[in-house]
Amino acid sequence: MRSSILPAALALGALGLSARADAPRINFEKYTLPNGLEVILSADHRVPVVHVQVFYHVGSKDEEAGKTGFAHLFEHMMFQGSRDLAEDTWFKKLDAVGGYGINGTTNTERTNYFESVPSNQLELVLWMESDRMGFLLDHVNEDSFKNQQEVVRNERRQRMEMAPYGMAHKFRLEALYPPAHPYHHTVIGEHEDLARASVEDVKAFFRRYYVPRDATLCIAGDFDPAKTRELVQKYFGSLPAAPAPPRKPAGPPAAPVQRLVAMEANVQLARLEYVWHGPVAWAADEPPIDLLAEVLTDGKTSRLHKRLVYELRIAQSVSASSANNEYGGQFDITVMVKPGHTLAEVRKVVDEELARILEKPVGAEELARVKTKWEARFIRSLETNQGRASQLQVANHFTRDPDKANQDLPRHLQVTPQAIQAAARKWLQPDKKLVLTVVPNKEAPISGQLIEKLTEKN
């Protein structure tokens, strides 16, 4: 397919959007079938391709104690076959008709399945997605389950036990959230839980969460809306209605208390992580916190990159990010320490720059720079059918209103220096962060192990 990288104003115009900061819109319509399935249609006829994306509103946060990793395990099972799709034919069927970008992903909040195909193959995809939504259990058996059970356990080994710093994320979550909190465990789960899983567990998980009322189907690209509504009704309308799944409560609050988690690993570079609890998705503080991450580490002139990497040359790299979910968010800063320098040197500089943020609003030019980058990335995300579908799905997932996707850029561009300072003072207090350190040790596992875990200590 021909590349569609366009200048910002031209890209907006091609999408039928305005170049004004307060006006970009993704055209869509949303309706709900009698069985509870949400449907979002977003037509765009520039390229004869259509993207189909299904969100099941279940992620690792919905898992029961002792059954971690089930949401991700089930993502794998959904590609194994269903009543009318033989074992391991999902990718083959779509590859044969020119499909691409075929995959699934799982996070704390949802499980997502997606594919893009030539426009004349839309009906095939809708049939396939409806078959596994309605009739997966007609195919699931002990052999297919055991196969994917081992695949997922091996994936966990590759991502965690065999990866440099691989255990850091697990230790971080366990320090940030109490055991009963939905975010206490990793998405991929624990080996013991995955090993104990049975076919009956998988079937029970499917019956509870993989129902039309817990799913959103989004179709974006080159299609006829009237004909597509008929196809959606044909393939999904007859699936039986089921009650909305019960939702796991947030559990005990994740107290913002200073903690130190010290690790050692068979790695070359020491690593420092600062992590704070952050706002929930779509909260008023989300845009200023997002842009604060950009101010700190996005680009060579950002505050922490300039001082740590360019001027002082005591860090190999530095990054900051904000992740916001249903039960809370996280704001983190990660620094890879250059050989010959110490964690203490790095911490001193990071603390100095954070103190500056708390004491004085960021400059107007500095904020304008990061807003321009944010706008450019947002516009690029709208250049593909998948990008537009993802924007609509995420907004719908957290707010039940896909139109919130059209408000995301304006609310970021309206952020003021004072708003960033206020959000930083609210969320990034020095005594309310997790400090996670990793020091090199050739005797330790490459993934890392705990050497110290202290509470209420700086």
Protein backbone atom coordinates (compact mmCIF):
# COMPACT_ATOMS: atom_id res chain seq x y z
CA MET A 1 0.00 0.00 0.00
CA ARG A 2 1.28 3.47 -0.82
CA SER A 3 2.70 5.40 2.13
CA SER A 4 0.43 8.11 3.51
CA ILE A 5 2.91 10.14 5.55
CA LEU A 6 1.65 13.66 5.00
CA PRO A 7 2.30 17.12 6.46
CA ALA A 8 0.01 17.78 9.43
CA ALA A 9 -2.44 20.12 7.74
CA LEU A 10 -2.63 17.98 4.60
CA ALA A 11 -3.16 14.80 6.62
CA LEU A 12 -6.01 16.44 8.48
CA GLY A 13 -7.55 17.63 5.26
CA ALA A 14 -7.38 14.17 3.71
CA LEU A 15 -9.29 12.81 6.69
CA GLY A 16 -11.95 15.46 6.42
CA LEU A 17 -10.56 17.13 9.56
CA SER A 18 -9.75 20.73 10.31
CA ALA A 19 -6.22 21.91 11.01
CA ARG A 20 -7.57 23.95 13.95
CA ALA A 21 -6.48 22.44 17.25
CA ASP A 22 -10.03 22.25 18.60
CA ALA A 23 -11.63 20.63 15.54
CA PRO A 24 -10.10 17.28 14.49
CA ARG A 25 -12.72 14.56 14.35
CA ILE A 26 -12.93 10.88 13.51
CA ASN A 27 -16.26 10.24 11.85
CA PHE A 28 -18.13 7.28 13.32
CA GLU A 29 -21.47 5.88 14.34
CA LYS A 30 -22.17 3.62 17.30
CA TYR A 31 -25.10 1.34 17.99
CA THR A 32 -25.84 -1.72 20.12
CA LEU A 33 -27.38 -5.03 19.06
CA PRO A 34 -30.21 -6.51 21.17
CA ASN A 35 -27.75 -9.09 22.56
CA GLY A 36 -25.59 -6.29 23.95
CA LEU A 37 -22.77 -6.21 21.38
CA GLU A 38 -21.52 -2.65 20.80
CA VAL A 39 -20.73 -1.77 17.19
CA ILE A 40 -18.66 1.21 16.01
CA LEU A 41 -18.47 2.01 12.29
CA SER A 42 -15.97 4.50 10.86
CA ALA A 43 -16.01 4.69 7.06
CA ASP A 44 -13.06 6.01 5.04
CA HIS A 45 -12.91 5.27 1.30
CA ARG A 46 -9.43 6.53 0.39
CA VAL A 47 -7.89 3.04 0.25
CA PRO A 48 -9.76 -0.23 -0.56
CA VAL A 49 -8.90 -1.78 2.81
CA VAL A 50 -10.95 -2.38 5.93
CA HIS A 51 -9.81 -2.98 9.50
CA VAL A 52 -11.79 -5.04 12.01
CA GLN A 53 -11.07 -4.81 15.71
CA VAL A 54 -12.85 -6.54 18.60
CA PHE A 55 -12.37 -5.44 22.20
CA TYR A 56 -13.39 -7.89 24.90
CA HIS A 57 -13.56 -5.81 28.07
CA VAL A 58 -11.57 -8.25 30.17
CA GLY A 59 -7.93 -7.99 31.17
CA SER A 60 -5.63 -9.18 33.90
CA LYS A 61 -7.35 -6.94 36.45
CA ASP A 62 -10.44 -9.16 36.21
CA GLU A 63 -8.63 -12.38 37.08
CA GLU A 64 -9.27 -14.32 40.27
CA ALA A 65 -6.63 -15.04 42.89
CA GLY A 66 -4.73 -18.17 41.91
CA LYS A 67 -5.76 -17.80 38.27
CA THR A 68 -3.44 -15.07 37.04
CA GLY A 69 -2.51 -14.97 33.37
CA PHE A 70 -5.88 -16.29 32.21
CA ALA A 71 -6.78 -13.25 30.08
CA HIS A 72 -3.53 -13.55 28.13
CA LEU A 73 -3.79 -17.34 27.92
CA PHE A 74 -7.25 -16.94 26.46
CA GLU A 75 -5.94 -14.55 23.84
CA HIS A 76 -3.85 -17.46 22.54
CA MET A 77 -6.78 -19.89 22.66
CA MET A 78 -8.87 -17.61 20.43
CA PHE A 79 -6.56 -18.32 17.48
CA GLN A 80 -6.71 -22.11 17.84
CA GLY A 81 -9.99 -22.72 16.08
CA SER A 82 -13.76 -22.69 16.66
CA ARG A 83 -16.82 -24.61 15.46
CA ASP A 84 -16.37 -23.88 11.75
CA LEU A 85 -12.66 -22.98 11.76
CA ALA A 86 -10.24 -25.88 11.94
CA GLU A 87 -7.20 -25.91 14.22
CA ASP A 88 -4.53 -23.34 13.30
CA THR A 89 -6.33 -21.99 10.21
CA TRP A 90 -7.05 -18.41 11.37
CA PHE A 91 -3.87 -16.87 9.97
CA LYS A 92 -3.85 -19.09 6.89
CA LYS A 93 -7.35 -18.04 5.81
CA LEU A 94 -6.59 -14.33 6.19
CA ASP A 95 -3.13 -14.57 4.62
CA ALA A 96 -4.73 -16.23 1.57
CA VAL A 97 -6.96 -13.21 0.89
CA GLY A 98 -4.29 -10.55 1.45
CA GLY A 99 -4.89 -9.96 5.15
CA TYR A 100 -2.21 -8.30 7.26
CA GLY A 101 -1.64 -6.91 10.75
CA ILE A 102 -3.38 -9.97 12.21
CA ASN A 103 -2.89 -10.30 15.94
CA GLY A 104 -4.24 -10.00 19.46
CA THR A 105 -3.03 -8.19 22.57
CA THR A 106 -3.85 -8.30 26.28
CA ASN A 107 -3.31 -5.72 29.00
CA THR A 108 -4.73 -5.01 32.44
CA GLU A 109 -7.97 -3.62 31.02
CA ARG A 110 -8.98 -5.49 27.84
CA THR A 111 -8.16 -8.15 25.26
CA ASN A 112 -8.03 -6.96 21.66
CA TYR A 113 -8.19 -8.89 18.36
CA PHE A 114 -7.63 -7.24 14.98
CA GLU A 115 -6.91 -7.72 11.29
CA SER A 116 -6.91 -5.70 8.07
CA VAL A 117 -8.11 -7.12 4.74
CA PRO A 118 -9.05 -5.92 1.25
CA SER A 119 -12.53 -4.38 1.38
CA ASN A 120 -14.14 -7.26 -0.52
CA GLN A 121 -13.11 -9.67 2.26
CA LEU A 122 -14.96 -7.91 5.09
CA GLU A 123 -17.69 -10.55 5.20
CA LEU A 124 -15.12 -13.30 5.66
CA VAL A 125 -13.63 -11.54 8.67
CA LEU A 126 -17.01 -10.88 10.27
CA TRP A 127 -17.92 -14.54 9.87
CA MET A 128 -14.63 -15.63 11.43
CA GLU A 129 -14.88 -13.21 14.37
CA SER A 130 -18.48 -14.21 15.05
CA ASP A 131 -17.62 -17.91 14.89
CA ARG A 132 -15.02 -17.66 17.62
CA MET A 133 -17.17 -15.29 19.68
CA GLY A 134 -20.12 -17.65 19.59
CA PHE A 135 -18.69 -21.12 19.10
CA LEU A 136 -15.11 -21.33 20.35
CA LEU A 137 -16.02 -23.98 22.92
CA ASP A 138 -17.23 -26.30 20.18
CA HIS A 139 -13.57 -26.73 19.27
CA VAL A 140 -11.54 -26.36 22.49
CA ASN A 141 -10.02 -29.65 23.61
CA GLU A 142 -7.28 -30.88 25.91
CA ASP A 143 -4.63 -31.02 23.18
CA SER A 144 -5.12 -27.46 21.90
CA PHE A 145 -5.27 -26.15 25.46
CA LYS A 146 -2.08 -27.91 26.59
CA ASN A 147 -0.26 -26.64 23.50
CA GLN A 148 -1.07 -23.00 24.23
CA GLN A 149 -0.56 -23.43 27.95
CA GLU A 150 3.07 -24.34 27.26
CA VAL A 151 3.43 -21.58 24.66
CA VAL A 152 2.35 -18.97 27.23
CA ARG A 153 4.60 -20.37 29.95
CA ASN A 154 7.53 -20.28 27.53
CA GLU A 155 6.64 -16.71 26.57
CA ARG A 156 6.77 -15.80 30.26
CA ARG A 157 10.24 -17.34 30.53
CA GLN A 158 11.46 -15.36 27.52
CA ARG A 159 9.97 -12.05 28.70
CA MET A 160 10.83 -12.34 32.38
CA GLU A 161 13.21 -15.06 33.58
CA MET A 162 15.51 -14.89 30.53
CA ALA A 163 15.35 -11.15 29.80
CA PRO A 164 17.69 -8.48 31.21
CA TYR A 165 15.89 -6.68 34.08
CA GLY A 166 12.96 -9.02 33.35
CA MET A 167 11.74 -9.31 36.94
CA ALA A 168 11.76 -5.59 37.61
CA HIS A 169 8.19 -5.08 36.41
CA LYS A 170 6.86 -7.85 38.66
CA PHE A 171 8.64 -6.48 41.74
CA ARG A 172 7.47 -2.99 40.86
CA LEU A 173 3.79 -3.99 40.73
CA GLU A 174 4.04 -5.94 43.96
CA ALA A 175 5.53 -2.89 45.69
CA LEU A 176 3.00 -0.44 44.25
CA TYR A 177 -0.17 -2.42 44.94
CA PRO A 178 -1.32 -4.62 47.86
CA PRO A 179 -1.98 -8.33 47.14
CA ALA A 180 -5.77 -7.93 46.82
CA HIS A 181 -5.48 -5.09 44.29
CA PRO A 182 -6.26 -5.98 40.61
CA TYR A 183 -2.94 -4.48 39.46
CA HIS A 184 -0.74 -6.41 41.92
CA HIS A 185 0.22 -9.09 39.38
CA THR A 186 1.62 -9.01 35.85
CA VAL A 187 -0.53 -9.55 32.77
CA ILE A 188 1.32 -12.74 31.86
CA GLY A 189 0.66 -14.21 35.30
CA GLU A 190 2.48 -16.68 37.51
CA HIS A 191 3.87 -20.04 36.36
CA GLU A 192 2.07 -21.87 39.16
CA ASP A 193 -1.30 -20.45 38.16
CA LEU A 194 -0.76 -21.18 34.48
CA ALA A 195 0.36 -24.74 35.25
CA ARG A 196 -2.75 -25.37 37.39
CA ALA A 197 -5.13 -24.12 34.69
CA SER A 198 -7.48 -26.66 33.13
CA VAL A 199 -9.72 -26.87 30.10
CA GLU A 200 -12.70 -26.38 32.39
CA ASP A 201 -11.14 -23.16 33.74
CA VAL A 202 -10.79 -21.91 30.17
CA LYS A 203 -14.39 -22.76 29.34
CA ALA A 204 -15.64 -20.99 32.47
CA PHE A 205 -13.58 -17.91 31.60
CA PHE A 206 -15.04 -17.87 28.07
CA ARG A 207 -18.64 -18.23 29.27
CA ARG A 208 -18.20 -15.38 31.72
CA TYR A 209 -16.34 -12.78 29.67
CA TYR A 210 -16.52 -13.67 25.96
CA VAL A 211 -20.15 -12.72 25.52
CA PRO A 212 -21.61 -10.07 23.16
CA ARG A 213 -22.48 -7.78 26.07
CA ASP A 214 -18.81 -7.61 27.05
CA ALA A 215 -17.48 -6.91 23.54
CA THR A 216 -17.16 -3.98 21.14
CA LEU A 217 -16.77 -4.54 17.39
CA CYS A 218 -15.17 -1.67 15.48
CA ILE A 219 -14.94 -1.58 11.68
CA ALA A 220 -12.87 1.17 10.08
CA GLY A 221 -12.04 1.79 6.44
CA ASP A 222 -13.58 1.24 3.03
CA PHE A 223 -17.06 -0.26 3.48
CA ASP A 224 -20.68 0.54 2.77
CA PRO A 225 -22.31 1.36 6.16
CA ALA A 226 -25.78 0.06 5.25
CA LYS A 227 -24.49 -3.24 3.86
CA THR A 228 -22.11 -3.61 6.78
CA ARG A 229 -24.89 -3.20 9.32
CA GLU A 230 -26.69 -6.05 7.54
CA LEU A 231 -23.57 -8.21 7.74
CA VAL A 232 -23.08 -7.45 11.42
CA GLN A 233 -26.68 -8.44 12.09
CA LYS A 234 -26.29 -11.58 9.98
CA TYR A 235 -23.22 -12.88 11.80
CA PHE A 236 -23.51 -11.43 15.31
CA GLY A 237 -27.20 -10.73 15.79
CA SER A 238 -28.13 -14.37 16.43
CA LEU A 239 -25.51 -14.90 19.14
CA PRO A 240 -27.34 -15.38 22.45
CA ALA A 241 -27.50 -12.60 24.99
CA ALA A 242 -25.84 -13.15 28.36
CA PRO A 243 -25.60 -11.06 31.52
CA ALA A 244 -22.82 -8.53 31.84
CA PRO A 245 -19.87 -10.17 33.64
CA PRO A 246 -19.37 -9.29 37.31
CA ARG A 247 -16.48 -6.90 37.78
CA LYS A 248 -13.73 -7.27 40.35
CA PRO A 249 -13.68 -4.26 42.71
CA ALA A 250 -10.59 -2.11 42.93
CA GLY A 251 -9.80 -3.57 46.35
CA PRO A 252 -7.63 -1.86 48.98
CA PRO A 253 -6.29 1.51 47.87
CA ALA A 254 -2.74 1.65 46.63
CA ALA A 255 -1.26 3.96 49.24
CA PRO A 256 1.25 6.46 47.83
CA VAL A 257 4.03 5.68 50.33
CA GLN A 258 7.76 6.06 49.75
CA ARG A 259 9.35 2.66 49.10
CA LEU A 260 12.74 1.37 48.04
CA VAL A 261 13.08 -1.89 46.12
CA ALA A 262 16.70 -2.84 45.45
CA MET A 263 17.64 -5.49 42.88
CA GLU A 264 20.77 -7.02 41.42
CA ALA A 265 21.08 -8.60 37.98
CA ASN A 266 23.71 -9.99 35.61
CA VAL A 267 23.60 -6.89 33.41
CA GLN A 268 26.08 -4.26 32.25
CA LEU A 269 24.27 -1.10 33.34
CA ALA A 270 22.73 -0.06 36.62
CA ARG A 271 19.13 1.15 36.33
CA LEU A 272 17.02 3.58 38.32
CA GLU A 273 13.22 3.75 38.28
CA TYR A 274 11.03 6.32 40.00
CA VAL A 275 7.34 5.43 39.99
CA TRP A 276 4.35 7.33 41.36
CA HIS A 277 0.67 6.49 41.41
CA GLY A 278 -1.14 8.61 38.82
CA PRO A 279 -4.65 9.62 37.76
CA VAL A 280 -7.20 7.25 36.29
CA ALA A 281 -7.85 7.21 32.55
CA TRP A 282 -9.61 10.33 31.24
CA ALA A 283 -9.23 12.23 34.50
CA ALA A 284 -8.61 15.97 34.29
CA ASP A 285 -4.99 15.48 35.40
CA GLU A 286 -4.18 12.99 32.62
CA PRO A 287 -3.22 15.54 29.88
CA PRO A 288 -0.86 17.63 32.05
CA ILE A 289 0.80 14.49 33.42
CA ASP A 290 1.22 13.17 29.85
CA LEU A 291 2.88 16.37 28.73
CA LEU A 292 5.09 16.49 31.83
CA ALA A 293 6.63 13.19 30.72
CA GLU A 294 7.41 14.83 27.37
CA VAL A 295 8.96 17.88 29.04
CA LEU A 296 11.25 15.67 31.08
CA THR A 297 12.55 13.18 28.52
CA ASP A 298 11.19 13.62 24.97
CA GLY A 299 14.02 14.69 22.67
CA LYS A 300 17.59 15.85 23.12
CA THR A 301 16.56 19.21 24.57
CA SER A 302 14.23 17.73 27.20
CA ARG A 303 15.23 18.46 30.76
CA LEU A 304 16.49 15.09 31.96
CA HIS A 305 18.02 14.00 28.64
CA LYS A 306 19.88 17.26 28.30
CA ARG A 307 21.40 17.09 31.78
CA LEU A 308 21.94 13.36 32.27
CA VAL A 309 22.90 12.23 28.77
CA TYR A 310 24.24 15.29 26.96
CA GLU A 311 25.76 17.62 29.57
CA LEU A 312 26.89 15.42 32.46
CA ARG A 313 27.15 12.18 30.45
CA ILE A 314 26.32 10.05 33.47
CA ALA A 315 23.37 8.21 31.85
CA GLN A 316 23.08 6.04 28.76
CA SER A 317 19.39 6.88 28.34
CA VAL A 318 16.40 8.28 30.18
CA SER A 319 12.67 7.97 29.57
CA ALA A 320 9.43 8.97 31.27
CA SER A 321 5.88 7.83 30.64
CA SER A 322 2.38 8.04 32.02
CA ALA A 323 -0.06 5.11 31.93
CA ASN A 324 -3.65 5.67 33.04
CA ASN A 325 -6.17 2.91 33.63
CA GLU A 326 -9.55 2.28 35.25
CA TYR A 327 -8.36 1.88 38.84
CA GLY A 328 -5.43 4.26 38.74
CA GLY A 329 -2.34 5.24 36.80
CA GLN A 330 1.43 5.19 37.00
CA PHE A 331 4.01 7.85 36.19
CA ASP A 332 7.54 6.56 35.83
CA ILE A 333 11.05 7.76 35.07
CA THR A 334 13.68 5.21 34.03
CA VAL A 335 17.39 5.95 33.77
CA MET A 336 20.11 3.62 32.47
CA VAL A 337 23.32 4.61 34.27
CA LYS A 338 26.51 4.96 32.24
CA PRO A 339 29.45 2.72 33.24
CA GLY A 340 31.72 4.44 35.74
CA HIS A 341 28.89 6.39 37.33
CA THR A 342 26.58 5.68 40.23
CA LEU A 343 22.89 5.54 41.04
CA ALA A 344 23.46 8.27 43.61
CA GLU A 345 24.79 10.66 40.94
CA VAL A 346 21.78 10.03 38.75
CA ARG A 347 19.27 10.33 41.60
CA LYS A 348 20.70 13.72 42.59
CA VAL A 349 20.13 15.18 39.12
CA VAL A 350 16.65 13.67 38.71
CA ASP A 351 15.64 15.02 42.13
CA GLU A 352 16.94 18.48 41.19
CA GLU A 353 14.94 18.57 37.97
CA LEU A 354 11.78 17.35 39.67
CA ALA A 355 12.18 20.04 42.32
CA ARG A 356 12.37 22.64 39.54
CA ILE A 357 9.09 21.37 38.11
CA LEU A 358 7.40 21.65 41.50
CA GLU A 359 8.78 25.12 42.17
CA LYS A 360 8.22 26.87 38.83
CA PRO A 361 5.88 26.34 35.86
CA VAL A 362 7.46 25.10 32.62
CA GLY A 363 8.23 27.74 30.02
CA ALA A 364 5.79 28.66 27.26
CA GLU A 365 8.22 27.71 24.47
CA GLU A 366 9.08 24.44 26.17
CA LEU A 367 5.41 23.53 26.44
CA ALA A 368 4.71 24.58 22.84
CA ARG A 369 7.46 22.23 21.63
CA VAL A 370 6.01 19.17 23.34
CA LYS A 371 2.47 20.07 22.26
CA THR A 372 3.61 20.21 18.64
CA LYS A 373 5.12 16.74 18.94
CA TRP A 374 1.98 15.42 20.64
CA GLU A 375 -0.20 16.83 17.86
CA ALA A 376 2.01 15.33 15.15
CA ARG A 377 1.86 11.88 16.76
CA PHE A 378 -1.90 12.10 17.16
CA ILE A 379 -2.36 13.03 13.51
CA ARG A 380 -0.09 10.20 12.39
CA SER A 381 -2.21 7.80 14.43
CA LEU A 382 -5.21 8.77 12.30
CA GLU A 383 -3.52 7.97 9.00
CA THR A 384 -4.41 4.26 9.17
CA ASN A 385 -7.68 2.45 9.64
CA GLN A 386 -6.20 0.59 12.59
CA GLY A 387 -5.07 3.83 14.21
CA ARG A 388 -8.54 5.37 14.01
CA ALA A 389 -10.20 2.18 15.23
CA SER A 390 -7.83 2.01 18.19
CA GLN A 391 -8.54 5.62 19.16
CA LEU A 392 -12.28 4.97 19.09
CA GLN A 393 -12.00 1.68 20.96
CA VAL A 394 -9.86 3.03 23.79
CA ALA A 395 -12.13 6.02 24.32
CA ASN A 396 -15.19 3.78 24.26
CA HIS A 397 -13.63 1.27 26.64
CA PHE A 398 -12.93 3.79 29.38
CA THR A 399 -15.85 6.19 28.91
CA ARG A 400 -18.43 4.22 26.84
CA ASP A 401 -18.33 7.19 24.46
CA PRO A 402 -16.14 6.85 21.32
CA ASP A 403 -16.52 10.57 20.68
CA LYS A 404 -14.10 11.17 23.53
CA ALA A 405 -11.40 10.19 21.01
CA ASN A 406 -12.18 13.46 19.24
CA GLN A 407 -11.60 15.39 22.45
CA ASP A 408 -8.23 13.88 23.31
CA LEU A 409 -6.03 16.18 21.22
CA PRO A 410 -7.85 19.40 22.19
CA ARG A 411 -7.65 18.62 25.89
CA HIS A 412 -3.89 18.11 25.59
CA LEU A 413 -3.39 21.27 23.54
CA GLN A 414 -5.30 23.29 26.14
CA VAL A 415 -2.90 22.37 28.97
CA THR A 416 -1.19 25.36 30.59
CA PRO A 417 2.18 25.56 32.40
CA GLN A 418 0.27 26.11 35.62
CA ALA A 419 -1.78 22.94 35.05
CA ILE A 420 1.41 20.89 34.65
CA GLN A 421 2.83 22.34 37.84
CA ALA A 422 -0.40 21.68 39.76
CA ALA A 423 -0.57 18.07 38.53
CA ALA A 424 3.08 17.51 39.42
CA ARG A 425 2.54 18.89 42.92
CA LYS A 426 -0.48 16.62 43.36
CA TRP A 427 1.02 13.37 42.05
CA LEU A 428 4.83 13.59 42.08
CA GLN A 429 5.65 14.42 45.66
CA PRO A 430 9.17 13.23 46.65
CA ASP A 431 7.88 11.20 49.60
CA LYS A 432 5.23 9.36 47.58
CA LYS A 433 7.28 7.44 45.06
CA LEU A 434 8.63 3.97 44.54
CA VAL A 435 12.39 3.88 44.00
CA LEU A 436 13.53 0.73 42.21
CA THR A 437 17.24 0.22 41.66
CA VAL A 438 19.10 -2.50 39.76
CA VAL A 439 22.86 -2.93 40.25
CA PRO A 440 25.10 -5.19 38.13
CA ASN A 441 26.17 -8.50 39.70
CA LYS A 442 27.55 -11.34 37.58
CA GLU A 443 26.43 -13.87 40.18
CA ALA A 444 22.77 -12.85 39.94
CA PRO A 445 20.20 -13.99 37.36
CA ILE A 446 20.06 -11.87 34.21
CA SER A 447 16.41 -11.07 35.00
CA GLY A 448 17.27 -9.83 38.47
CA GLN A 449 16.54 -10.71 42.06
CA LEU A 450 15.65 -8.76 45.18
CA ILE A 451 18.48 -7.82 47.53
CA GLU A 452 16.54 -5.39 49.66
CA LYS A 453 12.97 -4.30 50.17
CA LEU A 454 12.43 -1.49 52.63
CA THR A 455 9.24 0.42 53.42
CA GLU A 456 9.05 4.06 54.50
CA LYS A 457 12.69 4.67 53.58
CA ASN A 458 14.29 7.03 51.12
